[in-house]
Amino acid sequence: MKIKKDDLVIVTTGKDKGKTGKVLKTFADSNHVIVEGMNEKTKFKKKSQQGPGSMTKINAKIDASNVALIDPETKKATRIRVEKDSKGNKQRVSVKSNKVIK
């Protein structure tokens, strides 16, 4: 998976299409990501003797194919490729602007 935690992404399909957010967590085994403020679901907690019931919003997983990384230079969606620098270290490079993504 080429998307990592703290990357800025844009949602390309679904009910949140066009919205941008920061990646909070990645799940490489299932190819899913959790994006801040996207795909919100309501979770209910039953009332008990310790306290009243409550309703909270949680961010659900989004498939990684439904988000695209935002190019730091053009601020638009881009694909990325992995290249090696002169020292042999891998780095992510934007396809549109050929800039290294940190």
PDB file of N, CA and C in Angstrom:
ATOM      1  N   MET A   1       0.848  -1.169   0.000  1.00  0.00           N
ATOM      2  CA  MET A   1       0.000   0.000   0.000  1.00  0.00           C
ATOM      3  C   MET A   1       0.901   1.243   0.000  1.00  0.00           C
ATOM      4  N   LYS A   2       0.622   2.189  -0.874  1.00  0.00           N
ATOM      5  CA  LYS A   2       1.458   3.373  -1.008  1.00  0.00           C
ATOM      6  C   LYS A   2       0.993   4.545  -0.155  1.00  0.00           C
ATOM      7  N   ILE A   3      -0.159   4.400   0.491  1.00  0.00           N
ATOM      8  CA  ILE A   3      -0.671   5.453   1.372  1.00  0.00           C
ATOM      9  C   ILE A   3      -0.243   5.138   2.795  1.00  0.00           C
ATOM     10  N   LYS A   4       0.232   6.161   3.496  1.00  0.00           N
ATOM     11  CA  LYS A   4       0.727   5.974   4.861  1.00  0.00           C
ATOM     12  C   LYS A   4      -0.010   6.888   5.830  1.00  0.00           C
ATOM     13  N   LYS A   5       0.222   6.652   7.110  1.00  0.00           N
ATOM     14  CA  LYS A   5      -0.383   7.463   8.158  1.00  0.00           C
ATOM     15  C   LYS A   5       0.074   8.916   8.011  1.00  0.00           C
ATOM     16  N   ASP A   6      -0.808   9.859   8.310  1.00  0.00           N
ATOM     17  CA  ASP A   6      -0.591  11.311   8.244  1.00  0.00           C
ATOM     18  C   ASP A   6      -0.502  11.861   6.826  1.00  0.00           C
ATOM     19  N   ASP A   7      -0.803  11.057   5.799  1.00  0.00           N
ATOM     20  CA  ASP A   7      -0.874  11.575   4.429  1.00  0.00           C
ATOM     21  C   ASP A   7      -2.169  12.346   4.243  1.00  0.00           C
ATOM     22  N   LEU A   8      -2.149  13.341   3.374  1.00  0.00           N
ATOM     23  CA  LEU A   8      -3.344  14.089   3.019  1.00  0.00           C
ATOM     24  C   LEU A   8      -3.933  13.453   1.766  1.00  0.00           C
ATOM     25  N   VAL A   9      -5.198  13.007   1.860  1.00  0.00           N
ATOM     26  CA  VAL A   9      -5.832  12.294   0.753  1.00  0.00           C
ATOM     27  C   VAL A   9      -7.168  12.934   0.405  1.00  0.00           C
ATOM     28  N   ILE A  10      -7.642  12.621  -0.796  1.00  0.00           N
ATOM     29  CA  ILE A  10      -8.958  13.050  -1.257  1.00  0.00           C
ATOM     30  C   ILE A  10      -9.763  11.795  -1.573  1.00  0.00           C
ATOM     31  N   VAL A  11     -11.035  11.803  -1.210  1.00  0.00           N
ATOM     32  CA  VAL A  11     -11.914  10.656  -1.462  1.00  0.00           C
ATOM     33  C   VAL A  11     -12.421  10.767  -2.893  1.00  0.00           C
ATOM     34  N   THR A  12     -12.283   9.677  -3.680  1.00  0.00           N
ATOM     35  CA  THR A  12     -12.639   9.719  -5.096  1.00  0.00           C
ATOM     36  C   THR A  12     -14.011   9.128  -5.390  1.00  0.00           C
ATOM     37  N   THR A  13     -14.552   8.298  -4.504  1.00  0.00           N
ATOM     38  CA  THR A  13     -15.876   7.713  -4.725  1.00  0.00           C
ATOM     39  C   THR A  13     -16.634   7.620  -3.413  1.00  0.00           C
ATOM     40  N   GLY A  14     -17.937   7.449  -3.515  1.00  0.00           N
ATOM     41  CA  GLY A  14     -18.766   7.261  -2.328  1.00  0.00           C
ATOM     42  C   GLY A  14     -19.445   8.539  -1.873  1.00  0.00           C
ATOM     43  N   LYS A  15     -20.039   8.486  -0.680  1.00  0.00           N
ATOM     44  CA  LYS A  15     -20.833   9.611  -0.184  1.00  0.00           C
ATOM     45  C   LYS A  15     -19.979  10.817   0.196  1.00  0.00           C
ATOM     46  N   ASP A  16     -18.692  10.605   0.462  1.00  0.00           N
ATOM     47  CA  ASP A  16     -17.792  11.698   0.821  1.00  0.00           C
ATOM     48  C   ASP A  16     -16.901  12.125  -0.338  1.00  0.00           C
ATOM     49  N   LYS A  17     -17.323  11.863  -1.558  1.00  0.00           N
ATOM     50  CA  LYS A  17     -16.517  12.168  -2.742  1.00  0.00           C
ATOM     51  C   LYS A  17     -16.141  13.654  -2.789  1.00  0.00           C
ATOM     52  N   GLY A  18     -14.864  13.918  -3.027  1.00  0.00           N
ATOM     53  CA  GLY A  18     -14.375  15.284  -3.146  1.00  0.00           C
ATOM     54  C   GLY A  18     -13.852  15.876  -1.846  1.00  0.00           C
ATOM     55  N   LYS A  19     -14.103  15.236  -0.717  1.00  0.00           N
ATOM     56  CA  LYS A  19     -13.631  15.750   0.564  1.00  0.00           C
ATOM     57  C   LYS A  19     -12.191  15.312   0.811  1.00  0.00           C
ATOM     58  N   THR A  20     -11.465  16.146   1.539  1.00  0.00           N
ATOM     59  CA  THR A  20     -10.079  15.817   1.855  1.00  0.00           C
ATOM     60  C   THR A  20      -9.923  15.615   3.357  1.00  0.00           C
ATOM     61  N   GLY A  21      -8.935  14.827   3.727  1.00  0.00           N
ATOM     62  CA  GLY A  21      -8.678  14.569   5.129  1.00  0.00           C
ATOM     63  C   GLY A  21      -7.338  13.887   5.328  1.00  0.00           C
ATOM     64  N   LYS A  22      -6.957  13.762   6.591  1.00  0.00           N
ATOM     65  CA  LYS A  22      -5.689  13.151   6.952  1.00  0.00           C
ATOM     66  C   LYS A  22      -5.923  11.690   7.310  1.00  0.00           C
ATOM     67  N   VAL A  23      -5.013  10.819   6.890  1.00  0.00           N
ATOM     68  CA  VAL A  23      -5.107   9.396   7.190  1.00  0.00           C
ATOM     69  C   VAL A  23      -4.722   9.180   8.651  1.00  0.00           C
ATOM     70  N   LEU A  24      -5.638   8.573   9.414  1.00  0.00           N
ATOM     71  CA  LEU A  24      -5.390   8.301  10.826  1.00  0.00           C
ATOM     72  C   LEU A  24      -4.749   6.935  11.046  1.00  0.00           C
ATOM     73  N   LYS A  25      -5.152   5.945  10.238  1.00  0.00           N
ATOM     74  CA  LYS A  25      -4.647   4.597  10.411  1.00  0.00           C
ATOM     75  C   LYS A  25      -4.747   3.844   9.099  1.00  0.00           C
ATOM     76  N   THR A  26      -3.799   2.934   8.857  1.00  0.00           N
ATOM     77  CA  THR A  26      -3.835   2.091   7.663  1.00  0.00           C
ATOM     78  C   THR A  26      -3.904   0.631   8.066  1.00  0.00           C
ATOM     79  N   PHE A  27      -4.555  -0.164   7.237  1.00  0.00           N
ATOM     80  CA  PHE A  27      -4.668  -1.604   7.424  1.00  0.00           C
ATOM     81  C   PHE A  27      -4.162  -2.268   6.147  1.00  0.00           C
ATOM     82  N   ALA A  28      -2.876  -2.605   6.112  1.00  0.00           N
ATOM     83  CA  ALA A  28      -2.251  -3.126   4.901  1.00  0.00           C
ATOM     84  C   ALA A  28      -2.785  -4.500   4.524  1.00  0.00           C
ATOM     85  N   ASP A  29      -3.139  -5.323   5.510  1.00  0.00           N
ATOM     86  CA  ASP A  29      -3.607  -6.667   5.207  1.00  0.00           C
ATOM     87  C   ASP A  29      -4.956  -6.673   4.494  1.00  0.00           C
ATOM     88  N   SER A  30      -5.829  -5.723   4.820  1.00  0.00           N
ATOM     89  CA  SER A  30      -7.135  -5.665   4.169  1.00  0.00           C
ATOM     90  C   SER A  30      -7.245  -4.503   3.176  1.00  0.00           C
ATOM     91  N   ASN A  31      -6.168  -3.742   2.994  1.00  0.00           N
ATOM     92  CA  ASN A  31      -6.112  -2.624   2.040  1.00  0.00           C
ATOM     93  C   ASN A  31      -7.170  -1.559   2.347  1.00  0.00           C
ATOM     94  N   HIS A  32      -7.280  -1.189   3.624  1.00  0.00           N
ATOM     95  CA  HIS A  32      -8.215  -0.163   4.063  1.00  0.00           C
ATOM     96  C   HIS A  32      -7.474   0.943   4.797  1.00  0.00           C
ATOM     97  N   VAL A  33      -8.106   2.125   4.842  1.00  0.00           N
ATOM     98  CA  VAL A  33      -7.575   3.251   5.603  1.00  0.00           C
ATOM     99  C   VAL A  33      -8.717   3.889   6.390  1.00  0.00           C
ATOM    100  N   ILE A  34      -8.362   4.594   7.462  1.00  0.00           N
ATOM    101  CA  ILE A  34      -9.322   5.410   8.193  1.00  0.00           C
ATOM    102  C   ILE A  34      -8.909   6.851   7.994  1.00  0.00           C
ATOM    103  N   VAL A  35      -9.826   7.673   7.452  1.00  0.00           N
ATOM    104  CA  VAL A  35      -9.553   9.067   7.153  1.00  0.00           C
ATOM    105  C   VAL A  35     -10.341   9.937   8.120  1.00  0.00           C
ATOM    106  N   GLU A  36      -9.699  10.962   8.632  1.00  0.00           N
ATOM    107  CA  GLU A  36     -10.296  11.849   9.623  1.00  0.00           C
ATOM    108  C   GLU A  36     -11.537  12.540   9.056  1.00  0.00           C
ATOM    109  N   GLY A  37     -12.685  12.344   9.703  1.00  0.00           N
ATOM    110  CA  GLY A  37     -13.919  13.017   9.316  1.00  0.00           C
ATOM    111  C   GLY A  37     -14.671  12.387   8.157  1.00  0.00           C
ATOM    112  N   MET A  38     -14.211  11.262   7.633  1.00  0.00           N
ATOM    113  CA  MET A  38     -14.871  10.612   6.500  1.00  0.00           C
ATOM    114  C   MET A  38     -15.532   9.311   6.937  1.00  0.00           C
ATOM    115  N   ASN A  39     -16.597   8.933   6.242  1.00  0.00           N
ATOM    116  CA  ASN A  39     -17.301   7.677   6.451  1.00  0.00           C
ATOM    117  C   ASN A  39     -17.692   7.504   7.921  1.00  0.00           C
ATOM    118  N   GLU A  40     -18.328   8.526   8.471  1.00  0.00           N
ATOM    119  CA  GLU A  40     -18.710   8.496   9.881  1.00  0.00           C
ATOM    120  C   GLU A  40     -19.922   7.598  10.101  1.00  0.00           C
ATOM    121  N   LYS A  41     -19.826   6.770  11.123  1.00  0.00           N
ATOM    122  CA  LYS A  41     -20.912   5.887  11.524  1.00  0.00           C
ATOM    123  C   LYS A  41     -21.303   6.231  12.956  1.00  0.00           C
ATOM    124  N   THR A  42     -22.553   5.942  13.316  1.00  0.00           N
ATOM    125  CA  THR A  42     -23.037   6.210  14.660  1.00  0.00           C
ATOM    126  C   THR A  42     -22.970   4.939  15.482  1.00  0.00           C
ATOM    127  N   LYS A  43     -22.335   5.023  16.637  1.00  0.00           N
ATOM    128  CA  LYS A  43     -22.222   3.884  17.544  1.00  0.00           C
ATOM    129  C   LYS A  43     -23.052   4.179  18.792  1.00  0.00           C
ATOM    130  N   PHE A  44     -23.923   3.235  19.159  1.00  0.00           N
ATOM    131  CA  PHE A  44     -24.812   3.414  20.295  1.00  0.00           C
ATOM    132  C   PHE A  44     -24.294   2.619  21.489  1.00  0.00           C
ATOM    133  N   LYS A  45     -24.425   3.204  22.679  1.00  0.00           N
ATOM    134  CA  LYS A  45     -24.057   2.517  23.919  1.00  0.00           C
ATOM    135  C   LYS A  45     -25.318   2.403  24.764  1.00  0.00           C
ATOM    136  N   LYS A  46     -25.598   1.193  25.221  1.00  0.00           N
ATOM    137  CA  LYS A  46     -26.784   0.951  26.024  1.00  0.00           C
ATOM    138  C   LYS A  46     -26.649   1.581  27.399  1.00  0.00           C
ATOM    139  N   LYS A  47     -27.750   1.999  27.953  1.00  0.00           N
ATOM    140  CA  LYS A  47     -27.689   2.534  29.320  1.00  0.00           C
ATOM    141  C   LYS A  47     -27.453   1.385  30.298  1.00  0.00           C
ATOM    142  N   SER A  48     -26.811   1.706  31.409  1.00  0.00           N
ATOM    143  CA  SER A  48     -26.521   0.705  32.441  1.00  0.00           C
ATOM    144  C   SER A  48     -26.635   1.367  33.813  1.00  0.00           C
ATOM    145  N   GLN A  49     -26.361   0.609  34.847  1.00  0.00           N
ATOM    146  CA  GLN A  49     -26.419   1.183  36.186  1.00  0.00           C
ATOM    147  C   GLN A  49     -25.302   2.197  36.418  1.00  0.00           C
ATOM    148  N   GLN A  50     -24.205   2.078  35.689  1.00  0.00           N
ATOM    149  CA  GLN A  50     -23.091   3.011  35.847  1.00  0.00           C
ATOM    150  C   GLN A  50     -23.344   4.358  35.167  1.00  0.00           C
ATOM    151  N   GLY A  51     -24.182   4.395  34.165  1.00  0.00           N
ATOM    152  CA  GLY A  51     -24.426   5.660  33.491  1.00  0.00           C
ATOM    153  C   GLY A  51     -25.483   5.554  32.411  1.00  0.00           C
ATOM    154  N   PRO A  52     -25.843   6.695  31.843  1.00  0.00           N
ATOM    155  CA  PRO A  52     -26.862   6.704  30.791  1.00  0.00           C
ATOM    156  C   PRO A  52     -26.291   6.200  29.465  1.00  0.00           C
ATOM    157  N   GLY A  53     -27.183   5.930  28.545  1.00  0.00           N
ATOM    158  CA  GLY A  53     -26.761   5.522  27.215  1.00  0.00           C
ATOM    159  C   GLY A  53     -26.201   6.716  26.459  1.00  0.00           C
ATOM    160  N   SER A  54     -25.485   6.439  25.393  1.00  0.00           N
ATOM    161  CA  SER A  54     -24.909   7.534  24.610  1.00  0.00           C
ATOM    162  C   SER A  54     -24.816   7.146  23.151  1.00  0.00           C
ATOM    163  N   MET A  55     -24.568   8.162  22.346  1.00  0.00           N
ATOM    164  CA  MET A  55     -24.454   7.997  20.914  1.00  0.00           C
ATOM    165  C   MET A  55     -23.170   8.712  20.489  1.00  0.00           C
ATOM    166  N   THR A  56     -22.251   7.995  19.852  1.00  0.00           N
ATOM    167  CA  THR A  56     -20.991   8.607  19.422  1.00  0.00           C
ATOM    168  C   THR A  56     -20.772   8.357  17.946  1.00  0.00           C
ATOM    169  N   LYS A  57     -20.013   9.238  17.315  1.00  0.00           N
ATOM    170  CA  LYS A  57     -19.653   9.091  15.908  1.00  0.00           C
ATOM    171  C   LYS A  57     -18.254   8.513  15.824  1.00  0.00           C
ATOM    172  N   ILE A  58     -18.072   7.511  14.963  1.00  0.00           N
ATOM    173  CA  ILE A  58     -16.749   6.934  14.746  1.00  0.00           C
ATOM    174  C   ILE A  58     -16.446   6.979  13.247  1.00  0.00           C
ATOM    175  N   ASN A  59     -15.154   7.003  12.910  1.00  0.00           N
ATOM    176  CA  ASN A  59     -14.735   6.967  11.519  1.00  0.00           C
ATOM    177  C   ASN A  59     -14.538   5.512  11.117  1.00  0.00           C
ATOM    178  N   ALA A  60     -15.272   5.059  10.098  1.00  0.00           N
ATOM    179  CA  ALA A  60     -15.167   3.684   9.631  1.00  0.00           C
ATOM    180  C   ALA A  60     -14.108   3.583   8.536  1.00  0.00           C
ATOM    181  N   LYS A  61     -13.727   2.362   8.211  1.00  0.00           N
ATOM    182  CA  LYS A  61     -12.703   2.114   7.205  1.00  0.00           C
ATOM    183  C   LYS A  61     -13.203   2.471   5.807  1.00  0.00           C
ATOM    184  N   ILE A  62     -12.273   2.894   4.967  1.00  0.00           N
ATOM    185  CA  ILE A  62     -12.522   3.147   3.544  1.00  0.00           C
ATOM    186  C   ILE A  62     -11.504   2.323   2.776  1.00  0.00           C
ATOM    187  N   ASP A  63     -11.906   1.718   1.673  1.00  0.00           N
ATOM    188  CA  ASP A  63     -10.954   0.971   0.862  1.00  0.00           C
ATOM    189  C   ASP A  63      -9.914   1.934   0.282  1.00  0.00           C
ATOM    190  N   ALA A  64      -8.674   1.520   0.275  1.00  0.00           N
ATOM    191  CA  ALA A  64      -7.581   2.389  -0.166  1.00  0.00           C
ATOM    192  C   ALA A  64      -7.695   2.757  -1.641  1.00  0.00           C
ATOM    193  N   SER A  65      -8.415   1.960  -2.426  1.00  0.00           N
ATOM    194  CA  SER A  65      -8.587   2.291  -3.837  1.00  0.00           C
ATOM    195  C   SER A  65      -9.573   3.441  -4.036  1.00  0.00           C
ATOM    196  N   ASN A  66     -10.317   3.809  -2.995  1.00  0.00           N
ATOM    197  CA  ASN A  66     -11.295   4.890  -3.088  1.00  0.00           C
ATOM    198  C   ASN A  66     -10.746   6.230  -2.621  1.00  0.00           C
ATOM    199  N   VAL A  67      -9.467   6.286  -2.308  1.00  0.00           N
ATOM    200  CA  VAL A  67      -8.824   7.549  -1.942  1.00  0.00           C
ATOM    201  C   VAL A  67      -7.582   7.743  -2.806  1.00  0.00           C
ATOM    202  N   ALA A  68      -7.211   9.004  -3.002  1.00  0.00           N
ATOM    203  CA  ALA A  68      -6.017   9.328  -3.780  1.00  0.00           C
ATOM    204  C   ALA A  68      -5.186  10.338  -3.001  1.00  0.00           C
ATOM    205  N   LEU A  69      -3.892  10.196  -3.100  1.00  0.00           N
ATOM    206  CA  LEU A  69      -2.977  11.093  -2.418  1.00  0.00           C
ATOM    207  C   LEU A  69      -3.026  12.469  -3.069  1.00  0.00           C
ATOM    208  N   ILE A  70      -2.893  13.530  -2.271  1.00  0.00           N
ATOM    209  CA  ILE A  70      -2.907  14.886  -2.799  1.00  0.00           C
ATOM    210  C   ILE A  70      -1.473  15.322  -3.067  1.00  0.00           C
ATOM    211  N   ASP A  71      -1.240  15.829  -4.274  1.00  0.00           N
ATOM    212  CA  ASP A  71       0.078  16.321  -4.663  1.00  0.00           C
ATOM    213  C   ASP A  71       0.393  17.583  -3.868  1.00  0.00           C
ATOM    214  N   PRO A  72       1.547  17.661  -3.197  1.00  0.00           N
ATOM    215  CA  PRO A  72       1.851  18.837  -2.369  1.00  0.00           C
ATOM    216  C   PRO A  72       2.026  20.125  -3.178  1.00  0.00           C
ATOM    217  N   GLU A  73       2.348  20.001  -4.452  1.00  0.00           N
ATOM    218  CA  GLU A  73       2.575  21.198  -5.257  1.00  0.00           C
ATOM    219  C   GLU A  73       1.290  21.716  -5.902  1.00  0.00           C
ATOM    220  N   THR A  74       0.522  20.832  -6.561  1.00  0.00           N
ATOM    221  CA  THR A  74      -0.677  21.259  -7.293  1.00  0.00           C
ATOM    222  C   THR A  74      -1.951  21.177  -6.459  1.00  0.00           C
ATOM    223  N   LYS A  75      -1.906  20.507  -5.300  1.00  0.00           N
ATOM    224  CA  LYS A  75      -3.064  20.334  -4.406  1.00  0.00           C
ATOM    225  C   LYS A  75      -4.202  19.574  -5.082  1.00  0.00           C
ATOM    226  N   LYS A  76      -3.869  18.686  -6.033  1.00  0.00           N
ATOM    227  CA  LYS A  76      -4.858  17.853  -6.698  1.00  0.00           C
ATOM    228  C   LYS A  76      -4.485  16.386  -6.513  1.00  0.00           C
ATOM    229  N   ALA A  77      -5.425  15.495  -6.811  1.00  0.00           N
ATOM    230  CA  ALA A  77      -5.186  14.061  -6.666  1.00  0.00           C
ATOM    231  C   ALA A  77      -4.106  13.607  -7.634  1.00  0.00           C
ATOM    232  N   THR A  78      -3.261  12.703  -7.161  1.00  0.00           N
ATOM    233  CA  THR A  78      -2.186  12.186  -7.994  1.00  0.00           C
ATOM    234  C   THR A  78      -1.912  10.733  -7.658  1.00  0.00           C
ATOM    235  N   ARG A  79      -1.316  10.050  -8.604  1.00  0.00           N
ATOM    236  CA  ARG A  79      -0.799   8.716  -8.332  1.00  0.00           C
ATOM    237  C   ARG A  79       0.641   8.876  -7.866  1.00  0.00           C
ATOM    238  N   ILE A  80       1.186   7.841  -7.262  1.00  0.00           N
ATOM    239  CA  ILE A  80       2.570   7.924  -6.819  1.00  0.00           C
ATOM    240  C   ILE A  80       3.332   6.696  -7.292  1.00  0.00           C
ATOM    241  N   ARG A  81       4.630   6.867  -7.414  1.00  0.00           N
ATOM    242  CA  ARG A  81       5.496   5.751  -7.753  1.00  0.00           C
ATOM    243  C   ARG A  81       6.644   5.726  -6.750  1.00  0.00           C
ATOM    244  N   VAL A  82       7.253   4.581  -6.612  1.00  0.00           N
ATOM    245  CA  VAL A  82       8.355   4.420  -5.671  1.00  0.00           C
ATOM    246  C   VAL A  82       9.654   4.373  -6.462  1.00  0.00           C
ATOM    247  N   GLU A  83      10.572   5.247  -6.102  1.00  0.00           N
ATOM    248  CA  GLU A  83      11.882   5.296  -6.749  1.00  0.00           C
ATOM    249  C   GLU A  83      12.962   5.210  -5.692  1.00  0.00           C
ATOM    250  N   LYS A  84      14.167   4.879  -6.125  1.00  0.00           N
ATOM    251  CA  LYS A  84      15.307   4.859  -5.210  1.00  0.00           C
ATOM    252  C   LYS A  84      16.146   6.110  -5.440  1.00  0.00           C
ATOM    253  N   ASP A  85      16.615   6.696  -4.337  1.00  0.00           N
ATOM    254  CA  ASP A  85      17.479   7.863  -4.460  1.00  0.00           C
ATOM    255  C   ASP A  85      18.922   7.406  -4.655  1.00  0.00           C
ATOM    256  N   SER A  86      19.858   8.344  -4.637  1.00  0.00           N
ATOM    257  CA  SER A  86      21.260   8.026  -4.907  1.00  0.00           C
ATOM    258  C   SER A  86      21.867   7.091  -3.859  1.00  0.00           C
ATOM    259  N   LYS A  87      21.322   7.098  -2.632  1.00  0.00           N
ATOM    260  CA  LYS A  87      21.827   6.230  -1.565  1.00  0.00           C
ATOM    261  C   LYS A  87      21.162   4.862  -1.573  1.00  0.00           C
ATOM    262  N   GLY A  88      20.176   4.674  -2.428  1.00  0.00           N
ATOM    263  CA  GLY A  88      19.480   3.393  -2.491  1.00  0.00           C
ATOM    264  C   GLY A  88      18.247   3.311  -1.625  1.00  0.00           C
ATOM    265  N   ASN A  89      17.843   4.423  -0.993  1.00  0.00           N
ATOM    266  CA  ASN A  89      16.640   4.447  -0.158  1.00  0.00           C
ATOM    267  C   ASN A  89      15.408   4.654  -1.017  1.00  0.00           C
ATOM    268  N   LYS A  90      14.321   3.973  -0.648  1.00  0.00           N
ATOM    269  CA  LYS A  90      13.065   4.141  -1.380  1.00  0.00           C
ATOM    270  C   LYS A  90      12.409   5.450  -0.979  1.00  0.00           C
ATOM    271  N   GLN A  91      11.789   6.119  -1.955  1.00  0.00           N
ATOM    272  CA  GLN A  91      11.035   7.334  -1.678  1.00  0.00           C
ATOM    273  C   GLN A  91       9.839   7.397  -2.608  1.00  0.00           C
ATOM    274  N   ARG A  92       8.771   8.019  -2.128  1.00  0.00           N
ATOM    275  CA  ARG A  92       7.550   8.147  -2.911  1.00  0.00           C
ATOM    276  C   ARG A  92       7.608   9.427  -3.731  1.00  0.00           C
ATOM    277  N   VAL A  93       7.258   9.330  -5.018  1.00  0.00           N
ATOM    278  CA  VAL A  93       7.333  10.464  -5.927  1.00  0.00           C
ATOM    279  C   VAL A  93       5.981  10.649  -6.595  1.00  0.00           C
ATOM    280  N   SER A  94       5.528  11.896  -6.678  1.00  0.00           N
ATOM    281  CA  SER A  94       4.270  12.220  -7.344  1.00  0.00           C
ATOM    282  C   SER A  94       4.432  12.060  -8.852  1.00  0.00           C
ATOM    283  N   VAL A  95       3.438  11.444  -9.492  1.00  0.00           N
ATOM    284  CA  VAL A  95       3.501  11.233 -10.931  1.00  0.00           C
ATOM    285  C   VAL A  95       3.292  12.552 -11.673  1.00  0.00           C
ATOM    286  N   LYS A  96       2.411  13.424 -11.158  1.00  0.00           N
ATOM    287  CA  LYS A  96       2.101  14.674 -11.854  1.00  0.00           C
ATOM    288  C   LYS A  96       3.244  15.676 -11.817  1.00  0.00           C
ATOM    289  N   SER A  97       3.839  15.890 -10.629  1.00  0.00           N
ATOM    290  CA  SER A  97       4.828  16.956 -10.511  1.00  0.00           C
ATOM    291  C   SER A  97       6.261  16.461 -10.320  1.00  0.00           C
ATOM    292  N   ASN A  98       6.458  15.150 -10.228  1.00  0.00           N
ATOM    293  CA  ASN A  98       7.784  14.561 -10.004  1.00  0.00           C
ATOM    294  C   ASN A  98       8.453  15.085  -8.730  1.00  0.00           C
ATOM    295  N   LYS A  99       7.671  15.438  -7.723  1.00  0.00           N
ATOM    296  CA  LYS A  99       8.205  15.907  -6.444  1.00  0.00           C
ATOM    297  C   LYS A  99       8.147  14.773  -5.431  1.00  0.00           C
ATOM    298  N   VAL A 100       9.113  14.735  -4.540  1.00  0.00           N
ATOM    299  CA  VAL A 100       9.157  13.713  -3.493  1.00  0.00           C
ATOM    300  C   VAL A 100       8.087  14.019  -2.441  1.00  0.00           C
ATOM    301  N   ILE A 101       7.354  12.983  -2.055  1.00  0.00           N
ATOM    302  CA  ILE A 101       6.321  13.126  -1.030  1.00  0.00           C
ATOM    303  C   ILE A 101       6.901  12.616   0.281  1.00  0.00           C
ATOM    304  N   LYS A 102       6.822  13.449   1.298  1.00  0.00           N
ATOM    305  CA  LYS A 102       7.396  13.070   2.591  1.00  0.00           C
ATOM    306  C   LYS A 102       6.365  12.464   3.486  1.00  0.00           C
TER     307      LYS A 102
END
